[in-house]
Amino acid sequence: MKELTAIYKELSQHYGPQNWWPGEGLEIAVGAVLTQQTSWINVEKALSKIKDNNCMNLDCLNSLPLSRLEEFIRSSGYYKVKAQRLKNLVNLLINNPVPNRTMLLSVNGIGNETADSILLYQFEKPYFVIDEYTFRILERIGIYSRRNYLELQRIFMENIPSNIQIYKEYHALLVVHGKSCCTKNKPKCVTCPLQSRCKHYTKNNE
C-alpha cells in the first residue's frame, strides 16, 4: 500500500521532524501509562513531580507508598488507578529489565497501545503504535474503517519500511496532525496537507 508511504512523506514535509517521545528510559514507560485518557501537559506535571522528588528510578517507585505515588501523579487524572498500574509495571521491569510484548500485556491496565509505546520508544523494538488519531485519520482518508488495533498495525508494518525511527516519526506525525488539523470535531480540512487524497474532504466539498 504505497499510499501509507506517501502520507508519511506529506505529513513530514508539512510538520517537520517531531523527535518524539519526550524523555528517556523509565520516564518513557511511566509517561506511557500516565498519558492514558489525559493530555500530555498533565502528564508532564506528574513526571516533573516524580523527578523533583528524585523518584524516577525503579527502586524508589517500587518502595514508594502507594498513597505517595498517587499524590505525585494526581495531575494526570485517574491517579489511583494509574498509581496501581505503575506499581505493577515497575514490578515487571524489576524482574524483567527488557520485557517482551506478552509480558507487558500481562500487566493489568496495559493494553496494546501502551505496551507498543513502551516497546518502541523505550526499548527500540519495531512495533508501530496505533492510537485514536491513527484510526480517525485513516478512516477519513478512506483507507481503513474498522477499529481493529492489531489488523491496522499489521497493515502499517507490512507496507512501510521496518525502521524504528520511521515508526516513531510516523506515529508522532499522526498525533500532531490529529491534534492540530484532523480533529474529532470541526476538522480543519481547508488547510489539511492530505486533502487531495481524503474522501472525507471530497465528500464535504462536492
C-alpha atoms as a PDB file:
ATOM      1  CA  MET A   1       0.000   0.000   0.000  1.00  0.00           C
ATOM      2  CA  LYS A   2       2.106   2.866  -1.342  1.00  0.00           C
ATOM      3  CA  GLU A   3      -0.386   5.412  -0.031  1.00  0.00           C
ATOM      4  CA  LEU A   4       0.856   4.938   3.551  1.00  0.00           C
ATOM      5  CA  THR A   5       4.379   5.899   2.493  1.00  0.00           C
ATOM      6  CA  ALA A   6       3.024   8.909   0.597  1.00  0.00           C
ATOM      7  CA  ILE A   7       1.046  10.052   3.642  1.00  0.00           C
ATOM      8  CA  TYR A   8       4.178   9.840   5.780  1.00  0.00           C
ATOM      9  CA  LYS A   9       6.137  11.976   3.324  1.00  0.00           C
ATOM     10  CA  GLU A  10       3.392  14.593   3.060  1.00  0.00           C
ATOM     11  CA  LEU A  11       2.975  14.882   6.828  1.00  0.00           C
ATOM     12  CA  SER A  12       6.733  15.044   7.308  1.00  0.00           C
ATOM     13  CA  GLN A  13       7.071  17.846   4.758  1.00  0.00           C
ATOM     14  CA  HIS A  14       4.211  19.772   6.356  1.00  0.00           C
ATOM     15  CA  TYR A  15       5.085  19.421  10.051  1.00  0.00           C
ATOM     16  CA  GLY A  16       8.811  18.722  10.009  1.00  0.00           C
ATOM     17  CA  PRO A  17      10.754  16.429  12.391  1.00  0.00           C
ATOM     18  CA  GLN A  18       8.919  15.585  15.626  1.00  0.00           C
ATOM     19  CA  ASN A  19      11.681  13.758  17.554  1.00  0.00           C
ATOM     20  CA  TRP A  20       9.091  12.275  19.864  1.00  0.00           C
ATOM     21  CA  TRP A  21       8.710  10.638  22.566  1.00  0.00           C
ATOM     22  CA  PRO A  22       9.863  13.156  25.217  1.00  0.00           C
ATOM     23  CA  GLY A  23      12.155  11.775  27.903  1.00  0.00           C
ATOM     24  CA  GLU A  24      14.190   8.623  28.003  1.00  0.00           C
ATOM     25  CA  GLY A  25      14.421   5.291  29.765  1.00  0.00           C
ATOM     26  CA  LEU A  26      12.000   4.673  32.599  1.00  0.00           C
ATOM     27  CA  GLU A  27      10.400   8.089  32.109  1.00  0.00           C
ATOM     28  CA  ILE A  28       9.026   6.885  28.773  1.00  0.00           C
ATOM     29  CA  ALA A  29       7.349   3.858  30.351  1.00  0.00           C
ATOM     30  CA  VAL A  30       5.894   5.959  33.163  1.00  0.00           C
ATOM     31  CA  GLY A  31       4.665   8.550  30.663  1.00  0.00           C
ATOM     32  CA  ALA A  32       3.031   5.866  28.529  1.00  0.00           C
ATOM     33  CA  VAL A  33       0.900   4.799  31.487  1.00  0.00           C
ATOM     34  CA  LEU A  34       0.109   8.319  32.679  1.00  0.00           C
ATOM     35  CA  THR A  35      -0.952   9.597  29.249  1.00  0.00           C
ATOM     36  CA  GLN A  36      -3.968   7.288  29.179  1.00  0.00           C
ATOM     37  CA  GLN A  37      -7.132   9.435  28.978  1.00  0.00           C
ATOM     38  CA  THR A  38      -5.407  12.768  29.587  1.00  0.00           C
ATOM     39  CA  SER A  39      -3.356  15.453  27.845  1.00  0.00           C
ATOM     40  CA  TRP A  40       0.432  15.451  27.721  1.00  0.00           C
ATOM     41  CA  ILE A  41       0.515  18.722  29.665  1.00  0.00           C
ATOM     42  CA  ASN A  42      -0.988  16.930  32.666  1.00  0.00           C
ATOM     43  CA  VAL A  43       1.467  14.066  32.225  1.00  0.00           C
ATOM     44  CA  GLU A  44       4.412  16.467  32.236  1.00  0.00           C
ATOM     45  CA  LYS A  45       3.280  17.875  35.579  1.00  0.00           C
ATOM     46  CA  ALA A  46       3.174  14.382  37.065  1.00  0.00           C
ATOM     47  CA  LEU A  47       6.554  13.413  35.602  1.00  0.00           C
ATOM     48  CA  SER A  48       8.103  16.591  36.981  1.00  0.00           C
ATOM     49  CA  LYS A  49       6.691  15.824  40.420  1.00  0.00           C
ATOM     50  CA  ILE A  50       8.254  12.359  40.361  1.00  0.00           C
ATOM     51  CA  LYS A  51      11.614  13.719  39.194  1.00  0.00           C
ATOM     52  CA  ASP A  52      11.575  16.602  41.663  1.00  0.00           C
ATOM     53  CA  ASN A  53      11.330  14.002  44.408  1.00  0.00           C
ATOM     54  CA  ASN A  54      14.240  12.005  42.929  1.00  0.00           C
ATOM     55  CA  CYS A  55      11.965   9.054  42.324  1.00  0.00           C
ATOM     56  CA  MET A  56      12.323   8.388  38.593  1.00  0.00           C
ATOM     57  CA  ASN A  57      14.009   5.044  39.220  1.00  0.00           C
ATOM     58  CA  LEU A  58      12.749   1.529  39.817  1.00  0.00           C
ATOM     59  CA  ASP A  59      13.930   1.264  43.423  1.00  0.00           C
ATOM     60  CA  CYS A  60      12.170   4.430  44.523  1.00  0.00           C
ATOM     61  CA  LEU A  61       8.952   3.762  42.617  1.00  0.00           C
ATOM     62  CA  ASN A  62       8.889   0.232  43.990  1.00  0.00           C
ATOM     63  CA  SER A  63       9.382   1.234  47.635  1.00  0.00           C
ATOM     64  CA  LEU A  64       7.272   4.398  47.476  1.00  0.00           C
ATOM     65  CA  PRO A  65       3.968   4.078  49.377  1.00  0.00           C
ATOM     66  CA  LEU A  66       1.025   3.890  47.009  1.00  0.00           C
ATOM     67  CA  SER A  67      -0.585   6.952  48.580  1.00  0.00           C
ATOM     68  CA  ARG A  68       2.570   8.975  47.974  1.00  0.00           C
ATOM     69  CA  LEU A  69       2.725   7.899  44.326  1.00  0.00           C
ATOM     70  CA  GLU A  70      -0.922   8.880  43.943  1.00  0.00           C
ATOM     71  CA  GLU A  71      -0.016  12.324  45.227  1.00  0.00           C
ATOM     72  CA  PHE A  72       2.833  12.656  42.714  1.00  0.00           C
ATOM     73  CA  ILE A  73       0.666  11.767  39.709  1.00  0.00           C
ATOM     74  CA  ARG A  74      -2.614  13.414  40.736  1.00  0.00           C
ATOM     75  CA  SER A  75      -2.430  15.869  37.805  1.00  0.00           C
ATOM     76  CA  SER A  76      -2.674  13.023  35.275  1.00  0.00           C
ATOM     77  CA  GLY A  77      -6.213  12.087  36.324  1.00  0.00           C
ATOM     78  CA  TYR A  78      -7.467   8.662  37.422  1.00  0.00           C
ATOM     79  CA  TYR A  79      -4.447   8.809  39.687  1.00  0.00           C
ATOM     80  CA  LYS A  80      -5.465   5.939  41.977  1.00  0.00           C
ATOM     81  CA  VAL A  81      -5.876   3.547  39.055  1.00  0.00           C
ATOM     82  CA  LYS A  82      -2.706   4.754  37.334  1.00  0.00           C
ATOM     83  CA  ALA A  83      -0.648   4.535  40.522  1.00  0.00           C
ATOM     84  CA  GLN A  84      -1.503   0.853  40.859  1.00  0.00           C
ATOM     85  CA  ARG A  85      -0.734   0.268  37.183  1.00  0.00           C
ATOM     86  CA  LEU A  86       2.651   1.917  37.642  1.00  0.00           C
ATOM     87  CA  LYS A  87       3.359  -0.284  40.643  1.00  0.00           C
ATOM     88  CA  ASN A  88       2.503  -3.359  38.565  1.00  0.00           C
ATOM     89  CA  LEU A  89       4.690  -2.165  35.694  1.00  0.00           C
ATOM     90  CA  VAL A  90       7.628  -1.387  37.988  1.00  0.00           C
ATOM     91  CA  ASN A  91       7.395  -4.877  39.458  1.00  0.00           C
ATOM     92  CA  LEU A  92       7.538  -6.343  35.953  1.00  0.00           C
ATOM     93  CA  LEU A  93      10.543  -4.214  34.959  1.00  0.00           C
ATOM     94  CA  ILE A  94      12.449  -5.147  38.110  1.00  0.00           C
ATOM     95  CA  ASN A  95      12.068  -8.830  37.294  1.00  0.00           C
ATOM     96  CA  ASN A  96      12.301  -8.419  33.506  1.00  0.00           C
ATOM     97  CA  PRO A  97      14.531  -5.441  32.568  1.00  0.00           C
ATOM     98  CA  VAL A  98      13.745  -5.886  28.862  1.00  0.00           C
ATOM     99  CA  PRO A  99      10.189  -7.234  28.735  1.00  0.00           C
ATOM    100  CA  ASN A 100       8.537  -8.589  25.619  1.00  0.00           C
ATOM    101  CA  ARG A 101       5.074  -7.653  24.411  1.00  0.00           C
ATOM    102  CA  THR A 102       3.349 -10.594  26.086  1.00  0.00           C
ATOM    103  CA  MET A 103       4.871  -9.658  29.444  1.00  0.00           C
ATOM    104  CA  LEU A 104       3.734  -6.048  29.153  1.00  0.00           C
ATOM    105  CA  LEU A 105       0.218  -7.039  28.148  1.00  0.00           C
ATOM    106  CA  SER A 106       0.021  -9.288  31.209  1.00  0.00           C
ATOM    107  CA  VAL A 107       0.152  -6.190  33.428  1.00  0.00           C
ATOM    108  CA  ASN A 108      -3.345  -5.134  34.435  1.00  0.00           C
ATOM    109  CA  GLY A 109      -4.257  -1.873  32.713  1.00  0.00           C
ATOM    110  CA  ILE A 110      -1.633  -2.050  29.975  1.00  0.00           C
ATOM    111  CA  GLY A 111      -3.157  -2.594  26.551  1.00  0.00           C
ATOM    112  CA  ASN A 112      -1.820  -2.723  23.020  1.00  0.00           C
ATOM    113  CA  GLU A 113      -1.139   0.993  22.607  1.00  0.00           C
ATOM    114  CA  THR A 114       0.657   1.432  25.939  1.00  0.00           C
ATOM    115  CA  ALA A 115       2.687  -1.756  25.507  1.00  0.00           C
ATOM    116  CA  ASP A 116       3.772  -0.835  21.989  1.00  0.00           C
ATOM    117  CA  SER A 117       4.648   2.727  23.037  1.00  0.00           C
ATOM    118  CA  ILE A 118       6.961   1.348  25.717  1.00  0.00           C
ATOM    119  CA  LEU A 119       8.499  -1.195  23.344  1.00  0.00           C
ATOM    120  CA  LEU A 120       9.060   1.309  20.533  1.00  0.00           C
ATOM    121  CA  TYR A 121      10.133   4.427  22.402  1.00  0.00           C
ATOM    122  CA  GLN A 122      11.928   2.956  25.421  1.00  0.00           C
ATOM    123  CA  PHE A 123      13.286  -0.348  24.182  1.00  0.00           C
ATOM    124  CA  GLU A 124      13.655   0.489  20.467  1.00  0.00           C
ATOM    125  CA  LYS A 125      11.615  -2.521  19.354  1.00  0.00           C
ATOM    126  CA  PRO A 126       9.873  -2.348  15.950  1.00  0.00           C
ATOM    127  CA  TYR A 127       6.211  -2.123  16.909  1.00  0.00           C
ATOM    128  CA  PHE A 128       4.110   0.502  15.147  1.00  0.00           C
ATOM    129  CA  VAL A 129       1.856   2.300  17.642  1.00  0.00           C
ATOM    130  CA  ILE A 130      -1.805   2.685  16.726  1.00  0.00           C
ATOM    131  CA  ASP A 131      -3.952   5.219  18.557  1.00  0.00           C
ATOM    132  CA  GLU A 132      -7.228   7.113  18.214  1.00  0.00           C
ATOM    133  CA  TYR A 133      -5.641   9.643  15.841  1.00  0.00           C
ATOM    134  CA  THR A 134      -4.475   6.856  13.527  1.00  0.00           C
ATOM    135  CA  PHE A 135      -7.944   5.326  13.336  1.00  0.00           C
ATOM    136  CA  ARG A 136      -9.612   8.702  12.728  1.00  0.00           C
ATOM    137  CA  ILE A 137      -7.207   9.919  10.040  1.00  0.00           C
ATOM    138  CA  LEU A 138      -7.182   6.685   8.054  1.00  0.00           C
ATOM    139  CA  GLU A 139     -10.948   6.339   8.265  1.00  0.00           C
ATOM    140  CA  ARG A 140     -11.461   9.850   6.894  1.00  0.00           C
ATOM    141  CA  ILE A 141      -8.948   9.326   4.121  1.00  0.00           C
ATOM    142  CA  GLY A 142     -10.790   6.129   3.229  1.00  0.00           C
ATOM    143  CA  ILE A 143      -8.047   3.575   3.777  1.00  0.00           C
ATOM    144  CA  TYR A 144      -9.362   1.738   6.828  1.00  0.00           C
ATOM    145  CA  SER A 145     -12.692   1.958   8.648  1.00  0.00           C
ATOM    146  CA  ARG A 146     -12.613  -0.820  11.257  1.00  0.00           C
ATOM    147  CA  ARG A 147     -11.396  -0.492  14.850  1.00  0.00           C
ATOM    148  CA  ASN A 148      -9.061  -3.465  14.951  1.00  0.00           C
ATOM    149  CA  TYR A 149      -5.738  -2.471  16.530  1.00  0.00           C
ATOM    150  CA  LEU A 150      -3.691  -5.499  15.535  1.00  0.00           C
ATOM    151  CA  GLU A 151      -5.039  -5.566  11.986  1.00  0.00           C
ATOM    152  CA  LEU A 152      -4.241  -1.906  11.353  1.00  0.00           C
ATOM    153  CA  GLN A 153      -0.837  -2.311  12.990  1.00  0.00           C
ATOM    154  CA  ARG A 154      -0.112  -5.213  10.648  1.00  0.00           C
ATOM    155  CA  ILE A 155      -1.115  -3.111   7.617  1.00  0.00           C
ATOM    156  CA  PHE A 156       1.359  -0.404   8.628  1.00  0.00           C
ATOM    157  CA  MET A 157       4.177  -2.812   9.413  1.00  0.00           C
ATOM    158  CA  GLU A 158       3.732  -4.650   6.119  1.00  0.00           C
ATOM    159  CA  ASN A 159       3.632  -1.505   3.986  1.00  0.00           C
ATOM    160  CA  ILE A 160       6.207   0.922   5.378  1.00  0.00           C
ATOM    161  CA  PRO A 161       9.933   0.329   5.946  1.00  0.00           C
ATOM    162  CA  SER A 162      10.679  -1.644   9.110  1.00  0.00           C
ATOM    163  CA  ASN A 163      12.655   1.205  10.613  1.00  0.00           C
ATOM    164  CA  ILE A 164      12.371   2.249  14.259  1.00  0.00           C
ATOM    165  CA  GLN A 165      12.947   5.944  13.534  1.00  0.00           C
ATOM    166  CA  ILE A 166      10.286   5.942  10.822  1.00  0.00           C
ATOM    167  CA  TYR A 167       7.860   4.181  13.175  1.00  0.00           C
ATOM    168  CA  LYS A 168       8.498   6.838  15.831  1.00  0.00           C
ATOM    169  CA  GLU A 169       8.219   9.780  13.447  1.00  0.00           C
ATOM    170  CA  TYR A 170       5.157   8.459  11.624  1.00  0.00           C
ATOM    171  CA  HIS A 171       3.278   7.870  14.863  1.00  0.00           C
ATOM    172  CA  ALA A 172       4.257  11.324  16.153  1.00  0.00           C
ATOM    173  CA  LEU A 173       3.184  12.969  12.878  1.00  0.00           C
ATOM    174  CA  LEU A 174      -0.217  11.293  13.032  1.00  0.00           C
ATOM    175  CA  VAL A 175      -0.625  12.539  16.607  1.00  0.00           C
ATOM    176  CA  VAL A 176       0.243  16.143  15.765  1.00  0.00           C
ATOM    177  CA  HIS A 177      -1.979  16.031  12.651  1.00  0.00           C
ATOM    178  CA  GLY A 178      -4.873  14.591  14.646  1.00  0.00           C
ATOM    179  CA  LYS A 179      -4.495  17.236  17.335  1.00  0.00           C
ATOM    180  CA  SER A 180      -3.959  20.284  15.144  1.00  0.00           C
ATOM    181  CA  CYS A 181      -5.843  19.575  11.914  1.00  0.00           C
ATOM    182  CA  CYS A 182      -7.812  16.319  11.669  1.00  0.00           C
ATOM    183  CA  THR A 183      -9.629  16.965  14.937  1.00  0.00           C
ATOM    184  CA  LYS A 184     -12.600  14.943  16.150  1.00  0.00           C
ATOM    185  CA  ASN A 185     -14.971  17.882  15.759  1.00  0.00           C
ATOM    186  CA  LYS A 186     -14.706  20.577  13.087  1.00  0.00           C
ATOM    187  CA  PRO A 187     -11.563  19.299  11.333  1.00  0.00           C
ATOM    188  CA  LYS A 188      -9.572  21.973   9.503  1.00  0.00           C
ATOM    189  CA  CYS A 189      -9.935  20.350   6.087  1.00  0.00           C
ATOM    190  CA  VAL A 190      -9.195  23.512   4.097  1.00  0.00           C
ATOM    191  CA  THR A 191      -5.596  23.629   5.355  1.00  0.00           C
ATOM    192  CA  CYS A 192      -5.052  19.859   5.540  1.00  0.00           C
ATOM    193  CA  PRO A 193      -1.905  18.615   3.762  1.00  0.00           C
ATOM    194  CA  LEU A 194      -3.741  15.355   2.974  1.00  0.00           C
ATOM    195  CA  GLN A 195      -6.905  16.860   1.461  1.00  0.00           C
ATOM    196  CA  SER A 196      -6.073  15.716  -2.089  1.00  0.00           C
ATOM    197  CA  ARG A 197      -6.348  12.081  -1.013  1.00  0.00           C
ATOM    198  CA  CYS A 198      -9.067  12.454   1.654  1.00  0.00           C
ATOM    199  CA  LYS A 199     -12.545  11.058   0.950  1.00  0.00           C
ATOM    200  CA  HIS A 200     -13.998  12.982   3.892  1.00  0.00           C
ATOM    201  CA  TYR A 201     -12.800  16.252   2.350  1.00  0.00           C
ATOM    202  CA  THR A 202     -14.068  15.319  -1.122  1.00  0.00           C
ATOM    203  CA  LYS A 203     -17.485  14.287   0.203  1.00  0.00           C
ATOM    204  CA  ASN A 204     -17.960  17.546   2.074  1.00  0.00           C
ATOM    205  CA  ASN A 205     -16.719  19.776  -0.749  1.00  0.00           C
ATOM    206  CA  GLU A 206     -18.555  18.390  -3.760  1.00  0.00           C
END
